[in-house]
Amino acid sequence: MKTKARGLFIDALRDAHRWLDELIGNADQTIEALAMREGQTERWIRRTMSLAFLSPPLIQAGVEGRLPRGLGVKRLMDLPLIWADQWATLGLREPVKA
């Protein structure tokens, strides 16, 4: 994973968790309001928030820059929710659990 892609991933992951926390913590907050405030589309907010549901080892590999080149933010946004399926979709082996 290139340094620039790693930085974009970390920034998007931070936004994903922040936005998810805002939606959970404030019943009046909406994706539409987040999109307006952030100057993004609702679709972009939803896609970015999907990063908050990545498997922890996958997040760690991304933060440490250990993902293969070509696995940038946009590719990671389109993964299934089931953690084992995320690894399979990327063509990677899931780490062995200790």
Protein backbone atom coordinates (compact mmCIF):
# COMPACT_ATOMS: atom_id res chain seq x y z
CA MET A 1 0.00 0.00 0.00
CA LYS A 2 1.46 3.33 -1.03
CA THR A 3 2.06 6.01 1.60
CA LYS A 4 -0.52 8.35 0.05
CA ALA A 5 -3.16 5.59 -0.06
CA ARG A 6 -2.39 4.74 3.57
CA GLY A 7 -2.92 8.37 4.61
CA LEU A 8 -6.22 8.55 2.72
CA PHE A 9 -7.33 5.32 4.39
CA ILE A 10 -6.49 6.58 7.87
CA ASP A 11 -8.32 9.88 7.26
CA ALA A 12 -11.39 8.11 5.84
CA LEU A 13 -11.42 5.61 8.71
CA ARG A 14 -11.31 8.47 11.22
CA ASP A 15 -14.22 10.19 9.45
CA ALA A 16 -16.19 6.92 9.30
CA HIS A 17 -15.95 6.38 13.04
CA ARG A 18 -16.65 10.02 13.86
CA TRP A 19 -19.75 10.11 11.65
CA LEU A 20 -21.02 6.78 12.98
CA ASP A 21 -20.56 8.03 16.55
CA GLU A 22 -22.48 11.21 15.70
CA LEU A 23 -25.37 9.24 14.21
CA ILE A 24 -25.52 6.85 17.16
CA GLY A 25 -25.12 9.54 19.80
CA ASN A 26 -27.57 12.08 18.42
CA ALA A 27 -31.05 10.96 17.38
CA ASP A 28 -31.51 14.21 15.43
CA GLN A 29 -28.37 13.72 13.31
CA THR A 30 -28.92 12.44 9.77
CA ILE A 31 -26.72 11.33 6.92
CA GLU A 32 -28.21 14.16 4.87
CA ALA A 33 -27.11 16.72 7.49
CA LEU A 34 -23.63 15.18 7.68
CA ALA A 35 -23.32 15.35 3.89
CA MET A 36 -24.32 19.01 3.82
CA ARG A 37 -21.93 19.90 6.63
CA GLU A 38 -19.03 17.96 5.11
CA GLY A 39 -19.68 19.12 1.54
CA GLN A 40 -20.09 15.53 0.38
CA THR A 41 -22.89 13.46 -1.10
CA GLU A 42 -25.01 11.18 1.06
CA ARG A 43 -23.65 8.26 -0.95
CA TRP A 44 -20.07 9.23 -0.09
CA ILE A 45 -20.92 9.48 3.60
CA ARG A 46 -22.53 6.01 3.53
CA ARG A 47 -19.64 4.47 1.60
CA THR A 48 -17.09 6.02 3.92
CA MET A 49 -18.98 4.85 7.00
CA SER A 50 -18.72 1.28 5.71
CA LEU A 51 -15.04 1.45 6.67
CA ALA A 52 -16.10 1.46 10.33
CA PHE A 53 -17.20 -2.16 9.82
CA LEU A 54 -13.94 -3.58 8.49
CA SER A 55 -12.36 -6.45 10.38
CA PRO A 56 -9.87 -5.23 12.99
CA PRO A 57 -6.91 -7.12 11.48
CA LEU A 58 -7.73 -5.62 8.07
CA ILE A 59 -7.82 -2.13 9.62
CA GLN A 60 -4.50 -2.79 11.35
CA ALA A 61 -2.91 -3.99 8.11
CA GLY A 62 -4.14 -0.83 6.35
CA VAL A 63 -2.95 1.52 9.08
CA GLU A 64 0.45 -0.18 9.08
CA GLY A 65 0.63 0.00 5.27
CA ARG A 66 0.78 -3.79 4.89
CA LEU A 67 -2.05 -4.13 2.35
CA PRO A 68 -1.04 -4.83 -1.24
CA ARG A 69 -0.84 -1.93 -3.66
CA GLY A 70 -4.14 -1.24 -5.34
CA LEU A 71 -6.18 -1.73 -2.19
CA GLY A 72 -7.12 1.87 -1.57
CA VAL A 73 -10.04 3.47 0.20
CA LYS A 74 -12.53 3.02 -2.64
CA ARG A 75 -11.85 -0.70 -2.89
CA LEU A 76 -12.13 -1.14 0.88
CA MET A 77 -15.49 0.68 0.93
CA ASP A 78 -17.13 -1.98 -1.20
CA LEU A 79 -16.44 -5.00 0.99
CA PRO A 80 -19.09 -7.28 2.52
CA LEU A 81 -19.88 -6.91 6.22
CA ILE A 82 -18.84 -10.45 7.18
CA TRP A 83 -15.19 -10.26 8.15
CA ALA A 84 -14.09 -13.56 6.59
CA ASP A 85 -15.78 -12.52 3.34
CA GLN A 86 -13.84 -9.25 3.36
CA TRP A 87 -10.55 -11.15 3.19
CA ALA A 88 -11.84 -13.53 0.52
CA THR A 89 -13.17 -10.66 -1.62
CA LEU A 90 -9.73 -9.05 -1.54
CA GLY A 91 -8.08 -12.35 -2.43
CA LEU A 92 -6.14 -12.35 0.84
CA ARG A 93 -5.80 -14.98 3.53
CA GLU A 94 -7.40 -14.11 6.83
CA PRO A 95 -4.81 -14.07 9.65
CA VAL A 96 -4.79 -17.09 11.91
CA LYS A 97 -6.47 -16.37 15.22
CA ALA A 98 -4.32 -17.09 18.27
